PDBML (XML) file of the C-alpha atoms, coordinates in Angstrom:
<?xml version="1.0" encoding="UTF-8" ?>
<PDBx:datablock datablockName="MODEL"
   xmlns:PDBx="http://pdbml.pdb.org/schema/pdbx-v50.xsd"
   xmlns:xsi="http://www.w3.org/2001/XMLSchema-instance"
   xsi:schemaLocation="http://pdbml.pdb.org/schema/pdbx-v50.xsd pdbx-v50.xsd">
   <PDBx:atom_siteCategory>
      <PDBx:atom_site id="1">
         <PDBx:B_iso_or_equiv>0.00</PDBx:B_iso_or_equiv>
         <PDBx:Cartn_x>0.000</PDBx:Cartn_x>
         <PDBx:Cartn_y>0.000</PDBx:Cartn_y>
         <PDBx:Cartn_z>0.000</PDBx:Cartn_z>
         <PDBx:auth_asym_id>A</PDBx:auth_asym_id>
         <PDBx:auth_atom_id>CA</PDBx:auth_atom_id>
         <PDBx:auth_comp_id>ASP</PDBx:auth_comp_id>
         <PDBx:auth_seq_id>1</PDBx:auth_seq_id>
         <PDBx:group_PDB>ATOM</PDBx:group_PDB>
         <PDBx:label_alt_id xsi:nil="true" />
         <PDBx:label_asym_id>A</PDBx:label_asym_id>
         <PDBx:label_atom_id>CA</PDBx:label_atom_id>
         <PDBx:label_comp_id>ASP</PDBx:label_comp_id>
         <PDBx:label_entity_id>1</PDBx:label_entity_id>
         <PDBx:label_seq_id>1</PDBx:label_seq_id>
         <PDBx:occupancy>1.00</PDBx:occupancy>
         <PDBx:pdbx_PDB_model_num>1</PDBx:pdbx_PDB_model_num>
         <PDBx:type_symbol>C</PDBx:type_symbol>
      </PDBx:atom_site>
      <PDBx:atom_site id="2">
         <PDBx:B_iso_or_equiv>0.00</PDBx:B_iso_or_equiv>
         <PDBx:Cartn_x>2.765</PDBx:Cartn_x>
         <PDBx:Cartn_y>2.453</PDBx:Cartn_y>
         <PDBx:Cartn_z>0.914</PDBx:Cartn_z>
         <PDBx:auth_asym_id>A</PDBx:auth_asym_id>
         <PDBx:auth_atom_id>CA</PDBx:auth_atom_id>
         <PDBx:auth_comp_id>ALA</PDBx:auth_comp_id>
         <PDBx:auth_seq_id>2</PDBx:auth_seq_id>
         <PDBx:group_PDB>ATOM</PDBx:group_PDB>
         <PDBx:label_alt_id xsi:nil="true" />
         <PDBx:label_asym_id>A</PDBx:label_asym_id>
         <PDBx:label_atom_id>CA</PDBx:label_atom_id>
         <PDBx:label_comp_id>ALA</PDBx:label_comp_id>
         <PDBx:label_entity_id>1</PDBx:label_entity_id>
         <PDBx:label_seq_id>2</PDBx:label_seq_id>
         <PDBx:occupancy>1.00</PDBx:occupancy>
         <PDBx:pdbx_PDB_model_num>1</PDBx:pdbx_PDB_model_num>
         <PDBx:type_symbol>C</PDBx:type_symbol>
      </PDBx:atom_site>
      <PDBx:atom_site id="3">
         <PDBx:B_iso_or_equiv>0.00</PDBx:B_iso_or_equiv>
         <PDBx:Cartn_x>4.618</PDBx:Cartn_x>
         <PDBx:Cartn_y>1.700</PDBx:Cartn_y>
         <PDBx:Cartn_z>-2.303</PDBx:Cartn_z>
         <PDBx:auth_asym_id>A</PDBx:auth_asym_id>
         <PDBx:auth_atom_id>CA</PDBx:auth_atom_id>
         <PDBx:auth_comp_id>HIS</PDBx:auth_comp_id>
         <PDBx:auth_seq_id>3</PDBx:auth_seq_id>
         <PDBx:group_PDB>ATOM</PDBx:group_PDB>
         <PDBx:label_alt_id xsi:nil="true" />
         <PDBx:label_asym_id>A</PDBx:label_asym_id>
         <PDBx:label_atom_id>CA</PDBx:label_atom_id>
         <PDBx:label_comp_id>HIS</PDBx:label_comp_id>
         <PDBx:label_entity_id>1</PDBx:label_entity_id>
         <PDBx:label_seq_id>3</PDBx:label_seq_id>
         <PDBx:occupancy>1.00</PDBx:occupancy>
         <PDBx:pdbx_PDB_model_num>1</PDBx:pdbx_PDB_model_num>
         <PDBx:type_symbol>C</PDBx:type_symbol>
      </PDBx:atom_site>
      <PDBx:atom_site id="4">
         <PDBx:B_iso_or_equiv>0.00</PDBx:B_iso_or_equiv>
         <PDBx:Cartn_x>1.434</PDBx:Cartn_x>
         <PDBx:Cartn_y>2.228</PDBx:Cartn_y>
         <PDBx:Cartn_z>-4.336</PDBx:Cartn_z>
         <PDBx:auth_asym_id>A</PDBx:auth_asym_id>
         <PDBx:auth_atom_id>CA</PDBx:auth_atom_id>
         <PDBx:auth_comp_id>GLU</PDBx:auth_comp_id>
         <PDBx:auth_seq_id>4</PDBx:auth_seq_id>
         <PDBx:group_PDB>ATOM</PDBx:group_PDB>
         <PDBx:label_alt_id xsi:nil="true" />
         <PDBx:label_asym_id>A</PDBx:label_asym_id>
         <PDBx:label_atom_id>CA</PDBx:label_atom_id>
         <PDBx:label_comp_id>GLU</PDBx:label_comp_id>
         <PDBx:label_entity_id>1</PDBx:label_entity_id>
         <PDBx:label_seq_id>4</PDBx:label_seq_id>
         <PDBx:occupancy>1.00</PDBx:occupancy>
         <PDBx:pdbx_PDB_model_num>1</PDBx:pdbx_PDB_model_num>
         <PDBx:type_symbol>C</PDBx:type_symbol>
      </PDBx:atom_site>
      <PDBx:atom_site id="5">
         <PDBx:B_iso_or_equiv>0.00</PDBx:B_iso_or_equiv>
         <PDBx:Cartn_x>1.070</PDBx:Cartn_x>
         <PDBx:Cartn_y>5.632</PDBx:Cartn_y>
         <PDBx:Cartn_z>-2.650</PDBx:Cartn_z>
         <PDBx:auth_asym_id>A</PDBx:auth_asym_id>
         <PDBx:auth_atom_id>CA</PDBx:auth_atom_id>
         <PDBx:auth_comp_id>GLN</PDBx:auth_comp_id>
         <PDBx:auth_seq_id>5</PDBx:auth_seq_id>
         <PDBx:group_PDB>ATOM</PDBx:group_PDB>
         <PDBx:label_alt_id xsi:nil="true" />
         <PDBx:label_asym_id>A</PDBx:label_asym_id>
         <PDBx:label_atom_id>CA</PDBx:label_atom_id>
         <PDBx:label_comp_id>GLN</PDBx:label_comp_id>
         <PDBx:label_entity_id>1</PDBx:label_entity_id>
         <PDBx:label_seq_id>5</PDBx:label_seq_id>
         <PDBx:occupancy>1.00</PDBx:occupancy>
         <PDBx:pdbx_PDB_model_num>1</PDBx:pdbx_PDB_model_num>
         <PDBx:type_symbol>C</PDBx:type_symbol>
      </PDBx:atom_site>
      <PDBx:atom_site id="6">
         <PDBx:B_iso_or_equiv>0.00</PDBx:B_iso_or_equiv>
         <PDBx:Cartn_x>4.664</PDBx:Cartn_x>
         <PDBx:Cartn_y>6.510</PDBx:Cartn_y>
         <PDBx:Cartn_z>-3.486</PDBx:Cartn_z>
         <PDBx:auth_asym_id>A</PDBx:auth_asym_id>
         <PDBx:auth_atom_id>CA</PDBx:auth_atom_id>
         <PDBx:auth_comp_id>GLY</PDBx:auth_comp_id>
         <PDBx:auth_seq_id>6</PDBx:auth_seq_id>
         <PDBx:group_PDB>ATOM</PDBx:group_PDB>
         <PDBx:label_alt_id xsi:nil="true" />
         <PDBx:label_asym_id>A</PDBx:label_asym_id>
         <PDBx:label_atom_id>CA</PDBx:label_atom_id>
         <PDBx:label_comp_id>GLY</PDBx:label_comp_id>
         <PDBx:label_entity_id>1</PDBx:label_entity_id>
         <PDBx:label_seq_id>6</PDBx:label_seq_id>
         <PDBx:occupancy>1.00</PDBx:occupancy>
         <PDBx:pdbx_PDB_model_num>1</PDBx:pdbx_PDB_model_num>
         <PDBx:type_symbol>C</PDBx:type_symbol>
      </PDBx:atom_site>
      <PDBx:atom_site id="7">
         <PDBx:B_iso_or_equiv>0.00</PDBx:B_iso_or_equiv>
         <PDBx:Cartn_x>5.531</PDBx:Cartn_x>
         <PDBx:Cartn_y>7.229</PDBx:Cartn_y>
         <PDBx:Cartn_z>0.143</PDBx:Cartn_z>
         <PDBx:auth_asym_id>A</PDBx:auth_asym_id>
         <PDBx:auth_atom_id>CA</PDBx:auth_atom_id>
         <PDBx:auth_comp_id>VAL</PDBx:auth_comp_id>
         <PDBx:auth_seq_id>7</PDBx:auth_seq_id>
         <PDBx:group_PDB>ATOM</PDBx:group_PDB>
         <PDBx:label_alt_id xsi:nil="true" />
         <PDBx:label_asym_id>A</PDBx:label_asym_id>
         <PDBx:label_atom_id>CA</PDBx:label_atom_id>
         <PDBx:label_comp_id>VAL</PDBx:label_comp_id>
         <PDBx:label_entity_id>1</PDBx:label_entity_id>
         <PDBx:label_seq_id>7</PDBx:label_seq_id>
         <PDBx:occupancy>1.00</PDBx:occupancy>
         <PDBx:pdbx_PDB_model_num>1</PDBx:pdbx_PDB_model_num>
         <PDBx:type_symbol>C</PDBx:type_symbol>
      </PDBx:atom_site>
      <PDBx:atom_site id="8">
         <PDBx:B_iso_or_equiv>0.00</PDBx:B_iso_or_equiv>
         <PDBx:Cartn_x>7.762</PDBx:Cartn_x>
         <PDBx:Cartn_y>5.597</PDBx:Cartn_y>
         <PDBx:Cartn_z>2.718</PDBx:Cartn_z>
         <PDBx:auth_asym_id>A</PDBx:auth_asym_id>
         <PDBx:auth_atom_id>CA</PDBx:auth_atom_id>
         <PDBx:auth_comp_id>SER</PDBx:auth_comp_id>
         <PDBx:auth_seq_id>8</PDBx:auth_seq_id>
         <PDBx:group_PDB>ATOM</PDBx:group_PDB>
         <PDBx:label_alt_id xsi:nil="true" />
         <PDBx:label_asym_id>A</PDBx:label_asym_id>
         <PDBx:label_atom_id>CA</PDBx:label_atom_id>
         <PDBx:label_comp_id>SER</PDBx:label_comp_id>
         <PDBx:label_entity_id>1</PDBx:label_entity_id>
         <PDBx:label_seq_id>8</PDBx:label_seq_id>
         <PDBx:occupancy>1.00</PDBx:occupancy>
         <PDBx:pdbx_PDB_model_num>1</PDBx:pdbx_PDB_model_num>
         <PDBx:type_symbol>C</PDBx:type_symbol>
      </PDBx:atom_site>
      <PDBx:atom_site id="9">
         <PDBx:B_iso_or_equiv>0.00</PDBx:B_iso_or_equiv>
         <PDBx:Cartn_x>6.217</PDBx:Cartn_x>
         <PDBx:Cartn_y>2.962</PDBx:Cartn_y>
         <PDBx:Cartn_z>4.941</PDBx:Cartn_z>
         <PDBx:auth_asym_id>A</PDBx:auth_asym_id>
         <PDBx:auth_atom_id>CA</PDBx:auth_atom_id>
         <PDBx:auth_comp_id>PHE</PDBx:auth_comp_id>
         <PDBx:auth_seq_id>9</PDBx:auth_seq_id>
         <PDBx:group_PDB>ATOM</PDBx:group_PDB>
         <PDBx:label_alt_id xsi:nil="true" />
         <PDBx:label_asym_id>A</PDBx:label_asym_id>
         <PDBx:label_atom_id>CA</PDBx:label_atom_id>
         <PDBx:label_comp_id>PHE</PDBx:label_comp_id>
         <PDBx:label_entity_id>1</PDBx:label_entity_id>
         <PDBx:label_seq_id>9</PDBx:label_seq_id>
         <PDBx:occupancy>1.00</PDBx:occupancy>
         <PDBx:pdbx_PDB_model_num>1</PDBx:pdbx_PDB_model_num>
         <PDBx:type_symbol>C</PDBx:type_symbol>
      </PDBx:atom_site>
      <PDBx:atom_site id="10">
         <PDBx:B_iso_or_equiv>0.00</PDBx:B_iso_or_equiv>
         <PDBx:Cartn_x>6.711</PDBx:Cartn_x>
         <PDBx:Cartn_y>5.230</PDBx:Cartn_y>
         <PDBx:Cartn_z>7.963</PDBx:Cartn_z>
         <PDBx:auth_asym_id>A</PDBx:auth_asym_id>
         <PDBx:auth_atom_id>CA</PDBx:auth_atom_id>
         <PDBx:auth_comp_id>ASN</PDBx:auth_comp_id>
         <PDBx:auth_seq_id>10</PDBx:auth_seq_id>
         <PDBx:group_PDB>ATOM</PDBx:group_PDB>
         <PDBx:label_alt_id xsi:nil="true" />
         <PDBx:label_asym_id>A</PDBx:label_asym_id>
         <PDBx:label_atom_id>CA</PDBx:label_atom_id>
         <PDBx:label_comp_id>ASN</PDBx:label_comp_id>
         <PDBx:label_entity_id>1</PDBx:label_entity_id>
         <PDBx:label_seq_id>10</PDBx:label_seq_id>
         <PDBx:occupancy>1.00</PDBx:occupancy>
         <PDBx:pdbx_PDB_model_num>1</PDBx:pdbx_PDB_model_num>
         <PDBx:type_symbol>C</PDBx:type_symbol>
      </PDBx:atom_site>
      <PDBx:atom_site id="11">
         <PDBx:B_iso_or_equiv>0.00</PDBx:B_iso_or_equiv>
         <PDBx:Cartn_x>5.030</PDBx:Cartn_x>
         <PDBx:Cartn_y>8.180</PDBx:Cartn_y>
         <PDBx:Cartn_z>6.244</PDBx:Cartn_z>
         <PDBx:auth_asym_id>A</PDBx:auth_asym_id>
         <PDBx:auth_atom_id>CA</PDBx:auth_atom_id>
         <PDBx:auth_comp_id>GLN</PDBx:auth_comp_id>
         <PDBx:auth_seq_id>11</PDBx:auth_seq_id>
         <PDBx:group_PDB>ATOM</PDBx:group_PDB>
         <PDBx:label_alt_id xsi:nil="true" />
         <PDBx:label_asym_id>A</PDBx:label_asym_id>
         <PDBx:label_atom_id>CA</PDBx:label_atom_id>
         <PDBx:label_comp_id>GLN</PDBx:label_comp_id>
         <PDBx:label_entity_id>1</PDBx:label_entity_id>
         <PDBx:label_seq_id>11</PDBx:label_seq_id>
         <PDBx:occupancy>1.00</PDBx:occupancy>
         <PDBx:pdbx_PDB_model_num>1</PDBx:pdbx_PDB_model_num>
         <PDBx:type_symbol>C</PDBx:type_symbol>
      </PDBx:atom_site>
      <PDBx:atom_site id="12">
         <PDBx:B_iso_or_equiv>0.00</PDBx:B_iso_or_equiv>
         <PDBx:Cartn_x>2.130</PDBx:Cartn_x>
         <PDBx:Cartn_y>5.956</PDBx:Cartn_y>
         <PDBx:Cartn_z>5.141</PDBx:Cartn_z>
         <PDBx:auth_asym_id>A</PDBx:auth_asym_id>
         <PDBx:auth_atom_id>CA</PDBx:auth_atom_id>
         <PDBx:auth_comp_id>TRP</PDBx:auth_comp_id>
         <PDBx:auth_seq_id>12</PDBx:auth_seq_id>
         <PDBx:group_PDB>ATOM</PDBx:group_PDB>
         <PDBx:label_alt_id xsi:nil="true" />
         <PDBx:label_asym_id>A</PDBx:label_asym_id>
         <PDBx:label_atom_id>CA</PDBx:label_atom_id>
         <PDBx:label_comp_id>TRP</PDBx:label_comp_id>
         <PDBx:label_entity_id>1</PDBx:label_entity_id>
         <PDBx:label_seq_id>12</PDBx:label_seq_id>
         <PDBx:occupancy>1.00</PDBx:occupancy>
         <PDBx:pdbx_PDB_model_num>1</PDBx:pdbx_PDB_model_num>
         <PDBx:type_symbol>C</PDBx:type_symbol>
      </PDBx:atom_site>
      <PDBx:atom_site id="13">
         <PDBx:B_iso_or_equiv>0.00</PDBx:B_iso_or_equiv>
         <PDBx:Cartn_x>1.568</PDBx:Cartn_x>
         <PDBx:Cartn_y>4.688</PDBx:Cartn_y>
         <PDBx:Cartn_z>8.696</PDBx:Cartn_z>
         <PDBx:auth_asym_id>A</PDBx:auth_asym_id>
         <PDBx:auth_atom_id>CA</PDBx:auth_atom_id>
         <PDBx:auth_comp_id>VAL</PDBx:auth_comp_id>
         <PDBx:auth_seq_id>13</PDBx:auth_seq_id>
         <PDBx:group_PDB>ATOM</PDBx:group_PDB>
         <PDBx:label_alt_id xsi:nil="true" />
         <PDBx:label_asym_id>A</PDBx:label_asym_id>
         <PDBx:label_atom_id>CA</PDBx:label_atom_id>
         <PDBx:label_comp_id>VAL</PDBx:label_comp_id>
         <PDBx:label_entity_id>1</PDBx:label_entity_id>
         <PDBx:label_seq_id>13</PDBx:label_seq_id>
         <PDBx:occupancy>1.00</PDBx:occupancy>
         <PDBx:pdbx_PDB_model_num>1</PDBx:pdbx_PDB_model_num>
         <PDBx:type_symbol>C</PDBx:type_symbol>
      </PDBx:atom_site>
      <PDBx:atom_site id="14">
         <PDBx:B_iso_or_equiv>0.00</PDBx:B_iso_or_equiv>
         <PDBx:Cartn_x>1.757</PDBx:Cartn_x>
         <PDBx:Cartn_y>8.197</PDBx:Cartn_y>
         <PDBx:Cartn_z>10.186</PDBx:Cartn_z>
         <PDBx:auth_asym_id>A</PDBx:auth_asym_id>
         <PDBx:auth_atom_id>CA</PDBx:auth_atom_id>
         <PDBx:auth_comp_id>VAL</PDBx:auth_comp_id>
         <PDBx:auth_seq_id>14</PDBx:auth_seq_id>
         <PDBx:group_PDB>ATOM</PDBx:group_PDB>
         <PDBx:label_alt_id xsi:nil="true" />
         <PDBx:label_asym_id>A</PDBx:label_asym_id>
         <PDBx:label_atom_id>CA</PDBx:label_atom_id>
         <PDBx:label_comp_id>VAL</PDBx:label_comp_id>
         <PDBx:label_entity_id>1</PDBx:label_entity_id>
         <PDBx:label_seq_id>14</PDBx:label_seq_id>
         <PDBx:occupancy>1.00</PDBx:occupancy>
         <PDBx:pdbx_PDB_model_num>1</PDBx:pdbx_PDB_model_num>
         <PDBx:type_symbol>C</PDBx:type_symbol>
      </PDBx:atom_site>
      <PDBx:atom_site id="15">
         <PDBx:B_iso_or_equiv>0.00</PDBx:B_iso_or_equiv>
         <PDBx:Cartn_x>-0.809</PDBx:Cartn_x>
         <PDBx:Cartn_y>9.486</PDBx:Cartn_y>
         <PDBx:Cartn_z>7.679</PDBx:Cartn_z>
         <PDBx:auth_asym_id>A</PDBx:auth_asym_id>
         <PDBx:auth_atom_id>CA</PDBx:auth_atom_id>
         <PDBx:auth_comp_id>GLN</PDBx:auth_comp_id>
         <PDBx:auth_seq_id>15</PDBx:auth_seq_id>
         <PDBx:group_PDB>ATOM</PDBx:group_PDB>
         <PDBx:label_alt_id xsi:nil="true" />
         <PDBx:label_asym_id>A</PDBx:label_asym_id>
         <PDBx:label_atom_id>CA</PDBx:label_atom_id>
         <PDBx:label_comp_id>GLN</PDBx:label_comp_id>
         <PDBx:label_entity_id>1</PDBx:label_entity_id>
         <PDBx:label_seq_id>15</PDBx:label_seq_id>
         <PDBx:occupancy>1.00</PDBx:occupancy>
         <PDBx:pdbx_PDB_model_num>1</PDBx:pdbx_PDB_model_num>
         <PDBx:type_symbol>C</PDBx:type_symbol>
      </PDBx:atom_site>
      <PDBx:atom_site id="16">
         <PDBx:B_iso_or_equiv>0.00</PDBx:B_iso_or_equiv>
         <PDBx:Cartn_x>-3.132</PDBx:Cartn_x>
         <PDBx:Cartn_y>6.564</PDBx:Cartn_y>
         <PDBx:Cartn_z>8.432</PDBx:Cartn_z>
         <PDBx:auth_asym_id>A</PDBx:auth_asym_id>
         <PDBx:auth_atom_id>CA</PDBx:auth_atom_id>
         <PDBx:auth_comp_id>LYS</PDBx:auth_comp_id>
         <PDBx:auth_seq_id>16</PDBx:auth_seq_id>
         <PDBx:group_PDB>ATOM</PDBx:group_PDB>
         <PDBx:label_alt_id xsi:nil="true" />
         <PDBx:label_asym_id>A</PDBx:label_asym_id>
         <PDBx:label_atom_id>CA</PDBx:label_atom_id>
         <PDBx:label_comp_id>LYS</PDBx:label_comp_id>
         <PDBx:label_entity_id>1</PDBx:label_entity_id>
         <PDBx:label_seq_id>16</PDBx:label_seq_id>
         <PDBx:occupancy>1.00</PDBx:occupancy>
         <PDBx:pdbx_PDB_model_num>1</PDBx:pdbx_PDB_model_num>
         <PDBx:type_symbol>C</PDBx:type_symbol>
      </PDBx:atom_site>
      <PDBx:atom_site id="17">
         <PDBx:B_iso_or_equiv>0.00</PDBx:B_iso_or_equiv>
         <PDBx:Cartn_x>-2.812</PDBx:Cartn_x>
         <PDBx:Cartn_y>7.048</PDBx:Cartn_y>
         <PDBx:Cartn_z>12.189</PDBx:Cartn_z>
         <PDBx:auth_asym_id>A</PDBx:auth_asym_id>
         <PDBx:auth_atom_id>CA</PDBx:auth_atom_id>
         <PDBx:auth_comp_id>LEU</PDBx:auth_comp_id>
         <PDBx:auth_seq_id>17</PDBx:auth_seq_id>
         <PDBx:group_PDB>ATOM</PDBx:group_PDB>
         <PDBx:label_alt_id xsi:nil="true" />
         <PDBx:label_asym_id>A</PDBx:label_asym_id>
         <PDBx:label_atom_id>CA</PDBx:label_atom_id>
         <PDBx:label_comp_id>LEU</PDBx:label_comp_id>
         <PDBx:label_entity_id>1</PDBx:label_entity_id>
         <PDBx:label_seq_id>17</PDBx:label_seq_id>
         <PDBx:occupancy>1.00</PDBx:occupancy>
         <PDBx:pdbx_PDB_model_num>1</PDBx:pdbx_PDB_model_num>
         <PDBx:type_symbol>C</PDBx:type_symbol>
      </PDBx:atom_site>
      <PDBx:atom_site id="18">
         <PDBx:B_iso_or_equiv>0.00</PDBx:B_iso_or_equiv>
         <PDBx:Cartn_x>-3.509</PDBx:Cartn_x>
         <PDBx:Cartn_y>10.768</PDBx:Cartn_y>
         <PDBx:Cartn_z>11.795</PDBx:Cartn_z>
         <PDBx:auth_asym_id>A</PDBx:auth_asym_id>
         <PDBx:auth_atom_id>CA</PDBx:auth_atom_id>
         <PDBx:auth_comp_id>ALA</PDBx:auth_comp_id>
         <PDBx:auth_seq_id>18</PDBx:auth_seq_id>
         <PDBx:group_PDB>ATOM</PDBx:group_PDB>
         <PDBx:label_alt_id xsi:nil="true" />
         <PDBx:label_asym_id>A</PDBx:label_asym_id>
         <PDBx:label_atom_id>CA</PDBx:label_atom_id>
         <PDBx:label_comp_id>ALA</PDBx:label_comp_id>
         <PDBx:label_entity_id>1</PDBx:label_entity_id>
         <PDBx:label_seq_id>18</PDBx:label_seq_id>
         <PDBx:occupancy>1.00</PDBx:occupancy>
         <PDBx:pdbx_PDB_model_num>1</PDBx:pdbx_PDB_model_num>
         <PDBx:type_symbol>C</PDBx:type_symbol>
      </PDBx:atom_site>
      <PDBx:atom_site id="19">
         <PDBx:B_iso_or_equiv>0.00</PDBx:B_iso_or_equiv>
         <PDBx:Cartn_x>-6.683</PDBx:Cartn_x>
         <PDBx:Cartn_y>9.917</PDBx:Cartn_y>
         <PDBx:Cartn_z>9.877</PDBx:Cartn_z>
         <PDBx:auth_asym_id>A</PDBx:auth_asym_id>
         <PDBx:auth_atom_id>CA</PDBx:auth_atom_id>
         <PDBx:auth_comp_id>GLY</PDBx:auth_comp_id>
         <PDBx:auth_seq_id>19</PDBx:auth_seq_id>
         <PDBx:group_PDB>ATOM</PDBx:group_PDB>
         <PDBx:label_alt_id xsi:nil="true" />
         <PDBx:label_asym_id>A</PDBx:label_asym_id>
         <PDBx:label_atom_id>CA</PDBx:label_atom_id>
         <PDBx:label_comp_id>GLY</PDBx:label_comp_id>
         <PDBx:label_entity_id>1</PDBx:label_entity_id>
         <PDBx:label_seq_id>19</PDBx:label_seq_id>
         <PDBx:occupancy>1.00</PDBx:occupancy>
         <PDBx:pdbx_PDB_model_num>1</PDBx:pdbx_PDB_model_num>
         <PDBx:type_symbol>C</PDBx:type_symbol>
      </PDBx:atom_site>
      <PDBx:atom_site id="20">
         <PDBx:B_iso_or_equiv>0.00</PDBx:B_iso_or_equiv>
         <PDBx:Cartn_x>-5.538</PDBx:Cartn_x>
         <PDBx:Cartn_y>11.495</PDBx:Cartn_y>
         <PDBx:Cartn_z>6.640</PDBx:Cartn_z>
         <PDBx:auth_asym_id>A</PDBx:auth_asym_id>
         <PDBx:auth_atom_id>CA</PDBx:auth_atom_id>
         <PDBx:auth_comp_id>ARG</PDBx:auth_comp_id>
         <PDBx:auth_seq_id>20</PDBx:auth_seq_id>
         <PDBx:group_PDB>ATOM</PDBx:group_PDB>
         <PDBx:label_alt_id xsi:nil="true" />
         <PDBx:label_asym_id>A</PDBx:label_asym_id>
         <PDBx:label_atom_id>CA</PDBx:label_atom_id>
         <PDBx:label_comp_id>ARG</PDBx:label_comp_id>
         <PDBx:label_entity_id>1</PDBx:label_entity_id>
         <PDBx:label_seq_id>20</PDBx:label_seq_id>
         <PDBx:occupancy>1.00</PDBx:occupancy>
         <PDBx:pdbx_PDB_model_num>1</PDBx:pdbx_PDB_model_num>
         <PDBx:type_symbol>C</PDBx:type_symbol>
      </PDBx:atom_site>
      <PDBx:atom_site id="21">
         <PDBx:B_iso_or_equiv>0.00</PDBx:B_iso_or_equiv>
         <PDBx:Cartn_x>-6.928</PDBx:Cartn_x>
         <PDBx:Cartn_y>10.178</PDBx:Cartn_y>
         <PDBx:Cartn_z>3.386</PDBx:Cartn_z>
         <PDBx:auth_asym_id>A</PDBx:auth_asym_id>
         <PDBx:auth_atom_id>CA</PDBx:auth_atom_id>
         <PDBx:auth_comp_id>HIS</PDBx:auth_comp_id>
         <PDBx:auth_seq_id>21</PDBx:auth_seq_id>
         <PDBx:group_PDB>ATOM</PDBx:group_PDB>
         <PDBx:label_alt_id xsi:nil="true" />
         <PDBx:label_asym_id>A</PDBx:label_asym_id>
         <PDBx:label_atom_id>CA</PDBx:label_atom_id>
         <PDBx:label_comp_id>HIS</PDBx:label_comp_id>
         <PDBx:label_entity_id>1</PDBx:label_entity_id>
         <PDBx:label_seq_id>21</PDBx:label_seq_id>
         <PDBx:occupancy>1.00</PDBx:occupancy>
         <PDBx:pdbx_PDB_model_num>1</PDBx:pdbx_PDB_model_num>
         <PDBx:type_symbol>C</PDBx:type_symbol>
      </PDBx:atom_site>
      <PDBx:atom_site id="22">
         <PDBx:B_iso_or_equiv>0.00</PDBx:B_iso_or_equiv>
         <PDBx:Cartn_x>-4.397</PDBx:Cartn_x>
         <PDBx:Cartn_y>8.669</PDBx:Cartn_y>
         <PDBx:Cartn_z>1.052</PDBx:Cartn_z>
         <PDBx:auth_asym_id>A</PDBx:auth_asym_id>
         <PDBx:auth_atom_id>CA</PDBx:auth_atom_id>
         <PDBx:auth_comp_id>LEU</PDBx:auth_comp_id>
         <PDBx:auth_seq_id>22</PDBx:auth_seq_id>
         <PDBx:group_PDB>ATOM</PDBx:group_PDB>
         <PDBx:label_alt_id xsi:nil="true" />
         <PDBx:label_asym_id>A</PDBx:label_asym_id>
         <PDBx:label_atom_id>CA</PDBx:label_atom_id>
         <PDBx:label_comp_id>LEU</PDBx:label_comp_id>
         <PDBx:label_entity_id>1</PDBx:label_entity_id>
         <PDBx:label_seq_id>22</PDBx:label_seq_id>
         <PDBx:occupancy>1.00</PDBx:occupancy>
         <PDBx:pdbx_PDB_model_num>1</PDBx:pdbx_PDB_model_num>
         <PDBx:type_symbol>C</PDBx:type_symbol>
      </PDBx:atom_site>
      <PDBx:atom_site id="23">
         <PDBx:B_iso_or_equiv>0.00</PDBx:B_iso_or_equiv>
         <PDBx:Cartn_x>-5.245</PDBx:Cartn_x>
         <PDBx:Cartn_y>8.295</PDBx:Cartn_y>
         <PDBx:Cartn_z>-2.610</PDBx:Cartn_z>
         <PDBx:auth_asym_id>A</PDBx:auth_asym_id>
         <PDBx:auth_atom_id>CA</PDBx:auth_atom_id>
         <PDBx:auth_comp_id>ALA</PDBx:auth_comp_id>
         <PDBx:auth_seq_id>23</PDBx:auth_seq_id>
         <PDBx:group_PDB>ATOM</PDBx:group_PDB>
         <PDBx:label_alt_id xsi:nil="true" />
         <PDBx:label_asym_id>A</PDBx:label_asym_id>
         <PDBx:label_atom_id>CA</PDBx:label_atom_id>
         <PDBx:label_comp_id>ALA</PDBx:label_comp_id>
         <PDBx:label_entity_id>1</PDBx:label_entity_id>
         <PDBx:label_seq_id>23</PDBx:label_seq_id>
         <PDBx:occupancy>1.00</PDBx:occupancy>
         <PDBx:pdbx_PDB_model_num>1</PDBx:pdbx_PDB_model_num>
         <PDBx:type_symbol>C</PDBx:type_symbol>
      </PDBx:atom_site>
      <PDBx:atom_site id="24">
         <PDBx:B_iso_or_equiv>0.00</PDBx:B_iso_or_equiv>
         <PDBx:Cartn_x>-6.361</PDBx:Cartn_x>
         <PDBx:Cartn_y>4.848</PDBx:Cartn_y>
         <PDBx:Cartn_z>-3.603</PDBx:Cartn_z>
         <PDBx:auth_asym_id>A</PDBx:auth_asym_id>
         <PDBx:auth_atom_id>CA</PDBx:auth_atom_id>
         <PDBx:auth_comp_id>SER</PDBx:auth_comp_id>
         <PDBx:auth_seq_id>24</PDBx:auth_seq_id>
         <PDBx:group_PDB>ATOM</PDBx:group_PDB>
         <PDBx:label_alt_id xsi:nil="true" />
         <PDBx:label_asym_id>A</PDBx:label_asym_id>
         <PDBx:label_atom_id>CA</PDBx:label_atom_id>
         <PDBx:label_comp_id>SER</PDBx:label_comp_id>
         <PDBx:label_entity_id>1</PDBx:label_entity_id>
         <PDBx:label_seq_id>24</PDBx:label_seq_id>
         <PDBx:occupancy>1.00</PDBx:occupancy>
         <PDBx:pdbx_PDB_model_num>1</PDBx:pdbx_PDB_model_num>
         <PDBx:type_symbol>C</PDBx:type_symbol>
      </PDBx:atom_site>
      <PDBx:atom_site id="25">
         <PDBx:B_iso_or_equiv>0.00</PDBx:B_iso_or_equiv>
         <PDBx:Cartn_x>-5.735</PDBx:Cartn_x>
         <PDBx:Cartn_y>3.339</PDBx:Cartn_y>
         <PDBx:Cartn_z>-7.018</PDBx:Cartn_z>
         <PDBx:auth_asym_id>A</PDBx:auth_asym_id>
         <PDBx:auth_atom_id>CA</PDBx:auth_atom_id>
         <PDBx:auth_comp_id>LEU</PDBx:auth_comp_id>
         <PDBx:auth_seq_id>25</PDBx:auth_seq_id>
         <PDBx:group_PDB>ATOM</PDBx:group_PDB>
         <PDBx:label_alt_id xsi:nil="true" />
         <PDBx:label_asym_id>A</PDBx:label_asym_id>
         <PDBx:label_atom_id>CA</PDBx:label_atom_id>
         <PDBx:label_comp_id>LEU</PDBx:label_comp_id>
         <PDBx:label_entity_id>1</PDBx:label_entity_id>
         <PDBx:label_seq_id>25</PDBx:label_seq_id>
         <PDBx:occupancy>1.00</PDBx:occupancy>
         <PDBx:pdbx_PDB_model_num>1</PDBx:pdbx_PDB_model_num>
         <PDBx:type_symbol>C</PDBx:type_symbol>
      </PDBx:atom_site>
   </PDBx:atom_siteCategory>
</PDBx:datablock>
């Protein structure tokens, strides 16, 4: 999922924990 978003795993987890929407495919 993080790779699909083009972000680091850490950044992906932080965004998810903060409740921020990440773009889906």
